[in-house]
Amino acid sequence: MAVTKPLDLVLAGGGVKGIGLVGAVVKLMEAGYRARRVAGSSAGSIVGAIVAAAARDDRLTPDQVRELALSIDYRKFLDPGPVESVPLLGPAWAILQGSGIYRGDYAHRFIADQLRSLGVTTFADLRLDDDELPEERRYRLVVTAADVTTGQLVRLPWDYRRIYGLDPDRQPVADAVRASMSIPFIFRPVTLTSTAGLASTLVDGGLLSNYPIDSLDRQDGKLPRWPTFGVTLLPNLPEGNDRVIPALAPLGLFGGPHLLEQVITTVLVGRDQAYLNQPWVSTRTIRVDSTEVGVLDFDISRQEVDALYAKGYQAAGAFLSTWDEQAYLTRFR
């Protein structure tokens, strides 16, 4: 039996670009790595949830992970409501109302079905028996979301009890992932009600932490037991922001500068650019070139899917060819 190597894995957001994450994950699996814990934001939370569920007892082979990603009909993720289905004006109206063009119901069902097939429904199914971790962090998966009601980043399931008074073990994993992927104005936000009765609106975790690379680092100052690798997707800001989030283009009907486009794009992309310039981040990051695919290119062709998957696979291979764990520990720990 091949020896497996544990690692913690951090997966960035990026919408449809998340196909590149799968390519990187498959390469890591083929190299013998198995995710002990996974942190993800937005698209990274979708891929991360499946990876975390499958890693419990190697329920998916690298080939099965690949086939799952390549067989998805990504167009089904775009499920507008009746008003939002009206060409041009419908999406613009949804954005101005502050709700979202797409309901996100199909995405939620897809995630829940995939997890159920792997024996996972609630976070109790992803519990870890690990005395070296704080009690609230003993889970195989953590996803980020932005609580715009209380104005803070939340990490689920870690913050269910602290912020909302909820038992994390009883919370559906698919609900947390659906919240993490709620790109503002694109997918409808998720409402989470605390035991005190406060209804919080949760949106895409990428607004505050699109690449939570340090979220799985040890908090006690000791050396890590195994490495943490991250995979990031977003390219540099293009000249036209509608190339990153093309669904915002209908705002042009109302004239004037597209400040909303610029704000959303910068929030999703800009912070990562500065963060990745930090040597301790860059050294353990797999960078996938996803420039040719937009965040919301859900009509992506099979050829484009294959190409983006291949870029993730190749990027992980190039990273592993130069990775030196001891050199990393010596320099940064």
C-alpha atoms as a PDB file:
ATOM      1  CA  MET A   1       0.000   0.000   0.000  1.00  0.00           C
ATOM      2  CA  ALA A   2       1.339   3.426  -0.982  1.00  0.00           C
ATOM      3  CA  VAL A   3       2.339   5.716   1.860  1.00  0.00           C
ATOM      4  CA  THR A   4       0.184   8.820   2.069  1.00  0.00           C
ATOM      5  CA  LYS A   5       1.392  12.207   3.261  1.00  0.00           C
ATOM      6  CA  PRO A   6      -0.922  14.457   5.289  1.00  0.00           C
ATOM      7  CA  LEU A   7      -1.333  18.124   4.550  1.00  0.00           C
ATOM      8  CA  ASP A   8      -3.682  20.992   5.267  1.00  0.00           C
ATOM      9  CA  LEU A   9      -5.174  22.507   2.132  1.00  0.00           C
ATOM     10  CA  VAL A  10      -6.463  26.033   1.477  1.00  0.00           C
ATOM     11  CA  LEU A  11      -8.546  26.686  -1.648  1.00  0.00           C
ATOM     12  CA  ALA A  12      -9.278  30.195  -2.913  1.00  0.00           C
ATOM     13  CA  GLY A  13     -12.486  31.418  -4.473  1.00  0.00           C
ATOM     14  CA  GLY A  14     -12.982  32.165  -8.134  1.00  0.00           C
ATOM     15  CA  GLY A  15     -16.352  30.971  -9.424  1.00  0.00           C
ATOM     16  CA  VAL A  16     -16.084  28.751 -12.487  1.00  0.00           C
ATOM     17  CA  LYS A  17     -12.326  29.107 -12.252  1.00  0.00           C
ATOM     18  CA  GLY A  18     -12.636  26.522  -9.452  1.00  0.00           C
ATOM     19  CA  ILE A  19     -12.164  23.825 -12.087  1.00  0.00           C
ATOM     20  CA  GLY A  20      -8.483  24.699 -11.845  1.00  0.00           C
ATOM     21  CA  LEU A  21      -8.568  23.887  -8.128  1.00  0.00           C
ATOM     22  CA  VAL A  22      -9.669  20.351  -8.961  1.00  0.00           C
ATOM     23  CA  GLY A  23      -6.729  19.847 -11.300  1.00  0.00           C
ATOM     24  CA  ALA A  24      -4.327  20.894  -8.541  1.00  0.00           C
ATOM     25  CA  VAL A  25      -6.050  18.668  -5.967  1.00  0.00           C
ATOM     26  CA  VAL A  26      -5.851  15.629  -8.239  1.00  0.00           C
ATOM     27  CA  LYS A  27      -2.122  16.157  -8.791  1.00  0.00           C
ATOM     28  CA  LEU A  28      -1.560  16.415  -5.037  1.00  0.00           C
ATOM     29  CA  MET A  29      -3.525  13.194  -4.521  1.00  0.00           C
ATOM     30  CA  GLU A  30      -1.488  11.404  -7.178  1.00  0.00           C
ATOM     31  CA  ALA A  31       1.667  12.583  -5.398  1.00  0.00           C
ATOM     32  CA  GLY A  32       0.458  10.795  -2.267  1.00  0.00           C
ATOM     33  CA  TYR A  33      -0.928  13.764  -0.339  1.00  0.00           C
ATOM     34  CA  ARG A  34      -4.205  13.481   1.560  1.00  0.00           C
ATOM     35  CA  ALA A  35      -5.955  16.503   3.054  1.00  0.00           C
ATOM     36  CA  ARG A  36      -6.233  16.352   6.819  1.00  0.00           C
ATOM     37  CA  ARG A  37      -8.127  19.644   6.928  1.00  0.00           C
ATOM     38  CA  VAL A  38      -9.420  21.942   4.197  1.00  0.00           C
ATOM     39  CA  ALA A  39     -10.224  25.656   4.285  1.00  0.00           C
ATOM     40  CA  GLY A  40     -12.114  27.183   1.397  1.00  0.00           C
ATOM     41  CA  SER A  41     -13.831  30.323   0.224  1.00  0.00           C
ATOM     42  CA  SER A  42     -16.554  30.547  -2.426  1.00  0.00           C
ATOM     43  CA  ALA A  43     -15.628  28.058  -5.197  1.00  0.00           C
ATOM     44  CA  GLY A  44     -12.907  26.804  -2.877  1.00  0.00           C
ATOM     45  CA  SER A  45     -15.561  25.873  -0.340  1.00  0.00           C
ATOM     46  CA  ILE A  46     -17.378  23.705  -2.910  1.00  0.00           C
ATOM     47  CA  VAL A  47     -14.261  21.822  -3.958  1.00  0.00           C
ATOM     48  CA  GLY A  48     -13.006  21.771  -0.370  1.00  0.00           C
ATOM     49  CA  ALA A  49     -16.213  20.235   0.995  1.00  0.00           C
ATOM     50  CA  ILE A  50     -16.019  17.340  -1.445  1.00  0.00           C
ATOM     51  CA  VAL A  51     -12.295  16.849  -0.806  1.00  0.00           C
ATOM     52  CA  ALA A  52     -12.811  16.901   2.976  1.00  0.00           C
ATOM     53  CA  ALA A  53     -15.709  14.440   2.788  1.00  0.00           C
ATOM     54  CA  ALA A  54     -13.818  12.087   0.500  1.00  0.00           C
ATOM     55  CA  ALA A  55     -10.648  12.226   2.601  1.00  0.00           C
ATOM     56  CA  ARG A  56     -12.285  10.609   5.616  1.00  0.00           C
ATOM     57  CA  ASP A  57     -11.520   7.139   4.281  1.00  0.00           C
ATOM     58  CA  ASP A  58     -10.249   7.686   0.737  1.00  0.00           C
ATOM     59  CA  ARG A  59     -13.731   7.432  -0.750  1.00  0.00           C
ATOM     60  CA  LEU A  60     -12.694   8.990  -4.052  1.00  0.00           C
ATOM     61  CA  THR A  61      -9.694   8.162  -6.202  1.00  0.00           C
ATOM     62  CA  PRO A  62      -7.915  10.913  -8.147  1.00  0.00           C
ATOM     63  CA  ASP A  63      -9.616   9.671 -11.342  1.00  0.00           C
ATOM     64  CA  GLN A  64     -13.039   9.856  -9.701  1.00  0.00           C
ATOM     65  CA  VAL A  65     -12.413  13.412  -8.521  1.00  0.00           C
ATOM     66  CA  ARG A  66     -11.365  14.361 -12.041  1.00  0.00           C
ATOM     67  CA  GLU A  67     -14.408  12.759 -13.652  1.00  0.00           C
ATOM     68  CA  LEU A  68     -16.748  14.474 -11.201  1.00  0.00           C
ATOM     69  CA  ALA A  69     -15.388  17.920 -12.074  1.00  0.00           C
ATOM     70  CA  LEU A  70     -15.349  17.292 -15.820  1.00  0.00           C
ATOM     71  CA  SER A  71     -18.882  15.868 -15.938  1.00  0.00           C
ATOM     72  CA  ILE A  72     -20.698  18.820 -14.316  1.00  0.00           C
ATOM     73  CA  ASP A  73     -23.078  20.902 -16.422  1.00  0.00           C
ATOM     74  CA  TYR A  74     -22.038  24.286 -15.046  1.00  0.00           C
ATOM     75  CA  ARG A  75     -24.869  26.107 -16.837  1.00  0.00           C
ATOM     76  CA  LYS A  76     -27.341  24.641 -14.340  1.00  0.00           C
ATOM     77  CA  PHE A  77     -25.809  26.761 -11.586  1.00  0.00           C
ATOM     78  CA  LEU A  78     -27.455  29.782 -13.218  1.00  0.00           C
ATOM     79  CA  ASP A  79     -31.042  29.549 -11.922  1.00  0.00           C
ATOM     80  CA  PRO A  80     -32.698  32.984 -12.088  1.00  0.00           C
ATOM     81  CA  GLY A  81     -36.080  33.667 -10.554  1.00  0.00           C
ATOM     82  CA  PRO A  82     -39.100  34.791 -12.640  1.00  0.00           C
ATOM     83  CA  VAL A  83     -38.240  38.502 -12.553  1.00  0.00           C
ATOM     84  CA  GLU A  84     -34.518  37.944 -13.009  1.00  0.00           C
ATOM     85  CA  SER A  85     -35.221  35.868 -16.134  1.00  0.00           C
ATOM     86  CA  VAL A  86     -36.342  38.959 -18.054  1.00  0.00           C
ATOM     87  CA  PRO A  87     -33.494  39.725 -20.514  1.00  0.00           C
ATOM     88  CA  LEU A  88     -31.210  42.626 -19.547  1.00  0.00           C
ATOM     89  CA  LEU A  89     -33.629  44.440 -17.233  1.00  0.00           C
ATOM     90  CA  GLY A  90     -34.226  41.428 -14.975  1.00  0.00           C
ATOM     91  CA  PRO A  91     -30.586  41.006 -13.888  1.00  0.00           C
ATOM     92  CA  ALA A  92     -30.130  44.764 -13.551  1.00  0.00           C
ATOM     93  CA  TRP A  93     -33.247  44.978 -11.370  1.00  0.00           C
ATOM     94  CA  ALA A  94     -31.991  42.155  -9.123  1.00  0.00           C
ATOM     95  CA  ILE A  95     -28.678  43.947  -8.660  1.00  0.00           C
ATOM     96  CA  LEU A  96     -30.320  47.269  -7.849  1.00  0.00           C
ATOM     97  CA  GLN A  97     -32.624  45.530  -5.358  1.00  0.00           C
ATOM     98  CA  GLY A  98     -29.574  44.069  -3.643  1.00  0.00           C
ATOM     99  CA  SER A  99     -30.795  40.473  -3.855  1.00  0.00           C
ATOM    100  CA  GLY A 100     -29.166  38.420  -6.571  1.00  0.00           C
ATOM    101  CA  ILE A 101     -29.643  37.383 -10.177  1.00  0.00           C
ATOM    102  CA  TYR A 102     -29.518  33.658  -9.402  1.00  0.00           C
ATOM    103  CA  ARG A 103     -31.272  31.768  -6.617  1.00  0.00           C
ATOM    104  CA  GLY A 104     -28.445  29.325  -5.953  1.00  0.00           C
ATOM    105  CA  ASP A 105     -30.911  26.485  -5.316  1.00  0.00           C
ATOM    106  CA  TYR A 106     -29.315  24.180  -7.869  1.00  0.00           C
ATOM    107  CA  ALA A 107     -25.870  24.779  -6.373  1.00  0.00           C
ATOM    108  CA  HIS A 108     -27.188  23.917  -2.905  1.00  0.00           C
ATOM    109  CA  ARG A 109     -28.827  20.690  -4.132  1.00  0.00           C
ATOM    110  CA  PHE A 110     -25.705  19.691  -6.045  1.00  0.00           C
ATOM    111  CA  ILE A 111     -23.456  20.202  -3.028  1.00  0.00           C
ATOM    112  CA  ALA A 112     -25.844  18.422  -0.652  1.00  0.00           C
ATOM    113  CA  ASP A 113     -26.234  15.454  -3.020  1.00  0.00           C
ATOM    114  CA  GLN A 114     -22.496  15.048  -3.557  1.00  0.00           C
ATOM    115  CA  LEU A 115     -21.793  15.209   0.170  1.00  0.00           C
ATOM    116  CA  ARG A 116     -24.618  12.786   0.977  1.00  0.00           C
ATOM    117  CA  SER A 117     -23.150  10.273  -1.459  1.00  0.00           C
ATOM    118  CA  LEU A 118     -19.932  10.488   0.570  1.00  0.00           C
ATOM    119  CA  GLY A 119     -21.730   9.988   3.879  1.00  0.00           C
ATOM    120  CA  VAL A 120     -21.711  13.642   4.962  1.00  0.00           C
ATOM    121  CA  THR A 121     -24.728  15.756   5.898  1.00  0.00           C
ATOM    122  CA  THR A 122     -23.846  17.878   8.936  1.00  0.00           C
ATOM    123  CA  PHE A 123     -20.531  19.048  10.337  1.00  0.00           C
ATOM    124  CA  ALA A 124     -20.720  16.230  12.891  1.00  0.00           C
ATOM    125  CA  ASP A 125     -19.780  13.951   9.982  1.00  0.00           C
ATOM    126  CA  LEU A 126     -16.568  15.941   9.514  1.00  0.00           C
ATOM    127  CA  ARG A 127     -15.503  15.916  13.166  1.00  0.00           C
ATOM    128  CA  LEU A 128     -11.826  15.272  13.929  1.00  0.00           C
ATOM    129  CA  ASP A 129     -10.442  13.572  17.011  1.00  0.00           C
ATOM    130  CA  ASP A 130      -7.371  15.755  17.461  1.00  0.00           C
ATOM    131  CA  ASP A 131      -6.362  16.999  20.915  1.00  0.00           C
ATOM    132  CA  GLU A 132      -3.791  19.383  19.433  1.00  0.00           C
ATOM    133  CA  LEU A 133      -6.523  21.554  17.926  1.00  0.00           C
ATOM    134  CA  PRO A 134      -8.816  23.940  19.820  1.00  0.00           C
ATOM    135  CA  GLU A 135     -12.175  22.305  20.432  1.00  0.00           C
ATOM    136  CA  GLU A 136     -14.071  24.546  18.018  1.00  0.00           C
ATOM    137  CA  ARG A 137     -11.589  23.816  15.215  1.00  0.00           C
ATOM    138  CA  ARG A 138     -11.731  20.029  15.266  1.00  0.00           C
ATOM    139  CA  TYR A 139     -13.325  19.649  11.857  1.00  0.00           C
ATOM    140  CA  ARG A 140     -12.054  18.528   8.475  1.00  0.00           C
ATOM    141  CA  LEU A 141     -13.557  21.569   6.760  1.00  0.00           C
ATOM    142  CA  VAL A 142     -13.887  25.285   7.441  1.00  0.00           C
ATOM    143  CA  VAL A 143     -15.407  27.771   5.000  1.00  0.00           C
ATOM    144  CA  THR A 144     -15.454  31.557   5.092  1.00  0.00           C
ATOM    145  CA  ALA A 145     -18.467  33.821   4.744  1.00  0.00           C
ATOM    146  CA  ALA A 146     -19.074  37.516   5.297  1.00  0.00           C
ATOM    147  CA  ASP A 147     -21.834  38.406   7.762  1.00  0.00           C
ATOM    148  CA  VAL A 148     -22.952  41.793   6.471  1.00  0.00           C
ATOM    149  CA  THR A 149     -25.491  42.189   9.275  1.00  0.00           C
ATOM    150  CA  THR A 150     -22.896  42.120  12.050  1.00  0.00           C
ATOM    151  CA  GLY A 151     -20.074  43.303   9.802  1.00  0.00           C
ATOM    152  CA  GLN A 152     -17.571  40.508  10.289  1.00  0.00           C
ATOM    153  CA  LEU A 153     -15.835  37.540   8.724  1.00  0.00           C
ATOM    154  CA  VAL A 154     -17.215  34.223   9.933  1.00  0.00           C
ATOM    155  CA  ARG A 155     -15.553  30.844   9.687  1.00  0.00           C
ATOM    156  CA  LEU A 156     -17.998  27.977   9.663  1.00  0.00           C
ATOM    157  CA  PRO A 157     -18.340  25.708  11.597  1.00  0.00           C
ATOM    158  CA  TRP A 158     -15.852  27.375  13.976  1.00  0.00           C
ATOM    159  CA  ASP A 159     -18.051  30.429  14.647  1.00  0.00           C
ATOM    160  CA  TYR A 160     -21.508  28.855  14.818  1.00  0.00           C
ATOM    161  CA  ARG A 161     -21.538  28.682  18.598  1.00  0.00           C
ATOM    162  CA  ARG A 162     -19.501  31.820  19.389  1.00  0.00           C
ATOM    163  CA  ILE A 163     -21.474  34.199  17.168  1.00  0.00           C
ATOM    164  CA  TYR A 164     -24.841  32.536  16.659  1.00  0.00           C
ATOM    165  CA  GLY A 165     -25.218  30.260  19.680  1.00  0.00           C
ATOM    166  CA  LEU A 166     -25.774  27.289  17.382  1.00  0.00           C
ATOM    167  CA  ASP A 167     -24.459  23.744  17.792  1.00  0.00           C
ATOM    168  CA  PRO A 168     -21.967  23.366  14.914  1.00  0.00           C
ATOM    169  CA  ASP A 169     -22.398  19.595  14.777  1.00  0.00           C
ATOM    170  CA  ARG A 170     -26.058  20.028  13.811  1.00  0.00           C
ATOM    171  CA  GLN A 171     -25.495  22.509  10.966  1.00  0.00           C
ATOM    172  CA  PRO A 172     -25.723  21.218   7.365  1.00  0.00           C
ATOM    173  CA  VAL A 173     -22.417  21.463   5.523  1.00  0.00           C
ATOM    174  CA  ALA A 174     -24.195  22.366   2.276  1.00  0.00           C
ATOM    175  CA  ASP A 175     -25.767  25.430   3.949  1.00  0.00           C
ATOM    176  CA  ALA A 176     -22.357  26.771   4.965  1.00  0.00           C
ATOM    177  CA  VAL A 177     -20.918  26.175   1.498  1.00  0.00           C
ATOM    178  CA  ARG A 178     -23.912  27.849  -0.141  1.00  0.00           C
ATOM    179  CA  ALA A 179     -23.321  30.915   2.060  1.00  0.00           C
ATOM    180  CA  SER A 180     -19.638  31.003   1.183  1.00  0.00           C
ATOM    181  CA  MET A 181     -20.379  31.087  -2.579  1.00  0.00           C
ATOM    182  CA  SER A 182     -22.986  33.893  -2.433  1.00  0.00           C
ATOM    183  CA  ILE A 183     -21.271  36.477  -4.631  1.00  0.00           C
ATOM    184  CA  PRO A 184     -23.127  39.731  -3.835  1.00  0.00           C
ATOM    185  CA  PHE A 185     -25.736  40.721  -6.438  1.00  0.00           C
ATOM    186  CA  ILE A 186     -25.037  37.500  -8.367  1.00  0.00           C
ATOM    187  CA  PHE A 187     -26.278  34.725  -6.059  1.00  0.00           C
ATOM    188  CA  ARG A 188     -28.909  35.418  -3.430  1.00  0.00           C
ATOM    189  CA  PRO A 189     -27.484  35.734   0.089  1.00  0.00           C
ATOM    190  CA  VAL A 190     -28.133  33.188   2.824  1.00  0.00           C
ATOM    191  CA  THR A 191     -29.968  34.030   6.041  1.00  0.00           C
ATOM    192  CA  LEU A 192     -28.752  32.493   9.296  1.00  0.00           C
ATOM    193  CA  THR A 193     -30.797  33.029  12.456  1.00  0.00           C
ATOM    194  CA  SER A 194     -29.092  32.918  15.838  1.00  0.00           C
ATOM    195  CA  THR A 195     -30.568  31.396  18.978  1.00  0.00           C
ATOM    196  CA  ALA A 196     -31.218  34.986  20.110  1.00  0.00           C
ATOM    197  CA  GLY A 197     -33.442  35.523  17.074  1.00  0.00           C
ATOM    198  CA  LEU A 198     -31.113  37.793  15.086  1.00  0.00           C
ATOM    199  CA  ALA A 199     -31.272  37.076  11.356  1.00  0.00           C
ATOM    200  CA  SER A 200     -27.871  37.564   9.739  1.00  0.00           C
ATOM    201  CA  THR A 201     -27.286  37.937   6.013  1.00  0.00           C
ATOM    202  CA  LEU A 202     -24.306  35.911   4.811  1.00  0.00           C
ATOM    203  CA  VAL A 203     -22.539  36.512   1.505  1.00  0.00           C
ATOM    204  CA  ASP A 204     -19.427  35.318  -0.312  1.00  0.00           C
ATOM    205  CA  GLY A 205     -16.482  34.810   2.017  1.00  0.00           C
ATOM    206  CA  GLY A 206     -14.215  36.202  -0.674  1.00  0.00           C
ATOM    207  CA  LEU A 207     -15.317  39.713   0.258  1.00  0.00           C
ATOM    208  CA  LEU A 208     -13.205  39.516   3.408  1.00  0.00           C
ATOM    209  CA  SER A 209     -10.984  36.463   2.968  1.00  0.00           C
ATOM    210  CA  ASN A 210     -10.835  34.971  -0.517  1.00  0.00           C
ATOM    211  CA  TYR A 211      -7.613  33.092   0.196  1.00  0.00           C
ATOM    212  CA  PRO A 212      -7.497  32.179   3.911  1.00  0.00           C
ATOM    213  CA  ILE A 213      -4.017  30.647   3.744  1.00  0.00           C
ATOM    214  CA  ASP A 214      -3.214  31.253   7.415  1.00  0.00           C
ATOM    215  CA  SER A 215      -6.500  29.916   8.802  1.00  0.00           C
ATOM    216  CA  LEU A 216      -5.137  26.413   9.392  1.00  0.00           C
ATOM    217  CA  ASP A 217      -1.777  27.482  10.850  1.00  0.00           C
ATOM    218  CA  ARG A 218      -1.000  26.456  14.411  1.00  0.00           C
ATOM    219  CA  GLN A 219      -1.954  28.976  17.069  1.00  0.00           C
ATOM    220  CA  ASP A 220       0.440  27.731  19.773  1.00  0.00           C
ATOM    221  CA  GLY A 221       3.748  28.723  18.138  1.00  0.00           C
ATOM    222  CA  LYS A 222       4.877  25.120  17.626  1.00  0.00           C
ATOM    223  CA  LEU A 223       6.170  23.777  14.325  1.00  0.00           C
ATOM    224  CA  PRO A 224       3.472  22.433  11.999  1.00  0.00           C
ATOM    225  CA  ARG A 225       3.002  18.662  11.980  1.00  0.00           C
ATOM    226  CA  TRP A 226       2.655  18.712   8.199  1.00  0.00           C
ATOM    227  CA  PRO A 227       2.659  21.383   5.479  1.00  0.00           C
ATOM    228  CA  THR A 228      -0.151  23.687   4.448  1.00  0.00           C
ATOM    229  CA  PHE A 229      -0.511  24.205   0.703  1.00  0.00           C
ATOM    230  CA  GLY A 230      -2.771  26.771  -0.894  1.00  0.00           C
ATOM    231  CA  VAL A 231      -4.215  27.036  -4.382  1.00  0.00           C
ATOM    232  CA  THR A 232      -5.222  30.402  -5.822  1.00  0.00           C
ATOM    233  CA  LEU A 233      -6.926  31.268  -9.102  1.00  0.00           C
ATOM    234  CA  LEU A 234      -7.685  34.923  -9.665  1.00  0.00           C
ATOM    235  CA  PRO A 235      -5.612  36.795 -12.261  1.00  0.00           C
ATOM    236  CA  ASN A 236      -4.537  40.402 -12.275  1.00  0.00           C
ATOM    237  CA  LEU A 237      -7.310  42.953 -12.725  1.00  0.00           C
ATOM    238  CA  PRO A 238      -8.255  43.256 -16.404  1.00  0.00           C
ATOM    239  CA  GLU A 239      -8.817  46.558 -18.106  1.00  0.00           C
ATOM    240  CA  GLY A 240     -12.551  45.893 -18.247  1.00  0.00           C
ATOM    241  CA  ASN A 241     -14.086  44.709 -14.987  1.00  0.00           C
ATOM    242  CA  ASP A 242     -17.000  43.132 -16.828  1.00  0.00           C
ATOM    243  CA  ARG A 243     -14.545  40.458 -17.961  1.00  0.00           C
ATOM    244  CA  VAL A 244     -14.267  39.328 -14.340  1.00  0.00           C
ATOM    245  CA  ILE A 245     -17.985  39.581 -13.516  1.00  0.00           C
ATOM    246  CA  PRO A 246     -19.805  39.878 -16.867  1.00  0.00           C
ATOM    247  CA  ALA A 247     -23.249  39.692 -15.216  1.00  0.00           C
ATOM    248  CA  LEU A 248     -22.731  43.259 -13.984  1.00  0.00           C
ATOM    249  CA  ALA A 249     -22.670  44.582 -17.544  1.00  0.00           C
ATOM    250  CA  PRO A 250     -26.436  45.383 -17.550  1.00  0.00           C
ATOM    251  CA  LEU A 251     -25.711  48.233 -15.132  1.00  0.00           C
ATOM    252  CA  GLY A 252     -24.466  50.117 -18.178  1.00  0.00           C
ATOM    253  CA  LEU A 253     -28.088  50.610 -19.179  1.00  0.00           C
ATOM    254  CA  PHE A 254     -28.387  53.134 -16.371  1.00  0.00           C
ATOM    255  CA  GLY A 255     -25.399  55.167 -17.500  1.00  0.00           C
ATOM    256  CA  GLY A 256     -22.531  56.624 -15.509  1.00  0.00           C
ATOM    257  CA  PRO A 257     -19.309  55.043 -14.282  1.00  0.00           C
ATOM    258  CA  HIS A 258     -19.602  51.457 -13.088  1.00  0.00           C
ATOM    259  CA  LEU A 259     -18.350  52.000  -9.567  1.00  0.00           C
ATOM    260  CA  LEU A 260     -20.190  48.907  -8.324  1.00  0.00           C
ATOM    261  CA  GLU A 261     -18.310  46.768 -10.842  1.00  0.00           C
ATOM    262  CA  GLN A 262     -15.007  48.247  -9.763  1.00  0.00           C
ATOM    263  CA  VAL A 263     -15.707  47.816  -6.057  1.00  0.00           C
ATOM    264  CA  ILE A 264     -16.800  44.179  -6.303  1.00  0.00           C
ATOM    265  CA  THR A 265     -13.952  43.250  -8.619  1.00  0.00           C
ATOM    266  CA  THR A 266     -11.332  44.927  -6.452  1.00  0.00           C
ATOM    267  CA  VAL A 267     -12.676  43.275  -3.307  1.00  0.00           C
ATOM    268  CA  LEU A 268     -12.604  39.837  -4.915  1.00  0.00           C
ATOM    269  CA  VAL A 269      -9.240  40.234  -6.613  1.00  0.00           C
ATOM    270  CA  GLY A 270      -7.215  43.134  -5.243  1.00  0.00           C
ATOM    271  CA  ARG A 271      -6.579  41.885  -1.711  1.00  0.00           C
ATOM    272  CA  ASP A 272      -5.190  38.614  -3.020  1.00  0.00           C
ATOM    273  CA  GLN A 273      -2.685  40.406  -5.230  1.00  0.00           C
ATOM    274  CA  ALA A 274      -1.105  42.196  -2.266  1.00  0.00           C
ATOM    275  CA  TYR A 275      -1.339  39.159   0.008  1.00  0.00           C
ATOM    276  CA  LEU A 276       0.422  36.857  -2.447  1.00  0.00           C
ATOM    277  CA  ASN A 277       3.400  39.200  -2.527  1.00  0.00           C
ATOM    278  CA  GLN A 278       4.252  38.124   1.032  1.00  0.00           C
ATOM    279  CA  PRO A 279       7.108  35.558   0.800  1.00  0.00           C
ATOM    280  CA  TRP A 280       5.654  33.270   3.479  1.00  0.00           C
ATOM    281  CA  VAL A 281       2.421  33.115   1.475  1.00  0.00           C
ATOM    282  CA  SER A 282       3.907  32.846  -2.003  1.00  0.00           C
ATOM    283  CA  THR A 283       6.273  30.026  -1.048  1.00  0.00           C
ATOM    284  CA  ARG A 284       3.447  27.622  -0.212  1.00  0.00           C
ATOM    285  CA  THR A 285       0.981  28.720  -2.884  1.00  0.00           C
ATOM    286  CA  ILE A 286       0.089  26.920  -6.104  1.00  0.00           C
ATOM    287  CA  ARG A 287      -0.858  29.590  -8.639  1.00  0.00           C
ATOM    288  CA  VAL A 288      -3.227  28.474 -11.376  1.00  0.00           C
ATOM    289  CA  ASP A 289      -3.349  30.618 -14.518  1.00  0.00           C
ATOM    290  CA  SER A 290      -7.089  31.093 -15.038  1.00  0.00           C
ATOM    291  CA  THR A 291      -6.977  34.307 -17.049  1.00  0.00           C
ATOM    292  CA  GLU A 292      -8.917  32.874 -19.994  1.00  0.00           C
ATOM    293  CA  VAL A 293     -11.975  31.961 -17.895  1.00  0.00           C
ATOM    294  CA  GLY A 294     -14.260  34.447 -16.141  1.00  0.00           C
ATOM    295  CA  VAL A 295     -15.632  34.022 -12.638  1.00  0.00           C
ATOM    296  CA  LEU A 296     -19.144  33.563 -14.036  1.00  0.00           C
ATOM    297  CA  ASP A 297     -18.407  31.805 -17.324  1.00  0.00           C
ATOM    298  CA  PHE A 298     -20.933  29.074 -16.571  1.00  0.00           C
ATOM    299  CA  ASP A 299     -21.434  28.425 -20.288  1.00  0.00           C
ATOM    300  CA  ILE A 300     -17.842  27.213 -20.415  1.00  0.00           C
ATOM    301  CA  SER A 301     -17.174  24.645 -23.142  1.00  0.00           C
ATOM    302  CA  ARG A 302     -15.839  21.157 -22.481  1.00  0.00           C
ATOM    303  CA  GLN A 303     -12.602  22.149 -24.205  1.00  0.00           C
ATOM    304  CA  GLU A 304     -12.216  25.116 -21.855  1.00  0.00           C
ATOM    305  CA  VAL A 305     -13.011  22.920 -18.844  1.00  0.00           C
ATOM    306  CA  ASP A 306     -10.316  20.449 -19.876  1.00  0.00           C
ATOM    307  CA  ALA A 307      -7.796  23.246 -20.439  1.00  0.00           C
ATOM    308  CA  LEU A 308      -8.419  24.888 -17.057  1.00  0.00           C
ATOM    309  CA  TYR A 309      -8.265  21.547 -15.268  1.00  0.00           C
ATOM    310  CA  ALA A 310      -4.947  20.844 -17.016  1.00  0.00           C
ATOM    311  CA  LYS A 311      -3.554  24.211 -15.924  1.00  0.00           C
ATOM    312  CA  GLY A 312      -4.349  23.391 -12.295  1.00  0.00           C
ATOM    313  CA  TYR A 313      -2.793  19.956 -12.631  1.00  0.00           C
ATOM    314  CA  GLN A 314       0.357  21.352 -14.244  1.00  0.00           C
ATOM    315  CA  ALA A 315       0.666  24.184 -11.722  1.00  0.00           C
ATOM    316  CA  ALA A 316       0.584  21.714  -8.836  1.00  0.00           C
ATOM    317  CA  GLY A 317       3.181  19.558 -10.532  1.00  0.00           C
ATOM    318  CA  ALA A 318       5.500  22.519 -11.025  1.00  0.00           C
ATOM    319  CA  PHE A 319       5.009  23.543  -7.388  1.00  0.00           C
ATOM    320  CA  LEU A 320       5.815  20.076  -6.044  1.00  0.00           C
ATOM    321  CA  SER A 321       8.963  19.873  -8.148  1.00  0.00           C
ATOM    322  CA  THR A 322      10.472  22.758  -6.169  1.00  0.00           C
ATOM    323  CA  TRP A 323       8.780  22.382  -2.766  1.00  0.00           C
ATOM    324  CA  ASP A 324      11.256  21.989   0.084  1.00  0.00           C
ATOM    325  CA  GLU A 325       9.505  21.679   3.428  1.00  0.00           C
ATOM    326  CA  GLN A 326      12.652  21.933   5.503  1.00  0.00           C
ATOM    327  CA  ALA A 327      13.747  25.098   3.703  1.00  0.00           C
ATOM    328  CA  TYR A 328      10.314  26.599   4.315  1.00  0.00           C
ATOM    329  CA  LEU A 329      10.432  25.786   8.031  1.00  0.00           C
ATOM    330  CA  THR A 330      13.958  27.149   8.365  1.00  0.00           C
ATOM    331  CA  ARG A 331      13.111  30.442   6.701  1.00  0.00           C
ATOM    332  CA  PHE A 332       9.618  31.163   7.973  1.00  0.00           C
ATOM    333  CA  ARG A 333       9.120  29.173  11.171  1.00  0.00           C
END
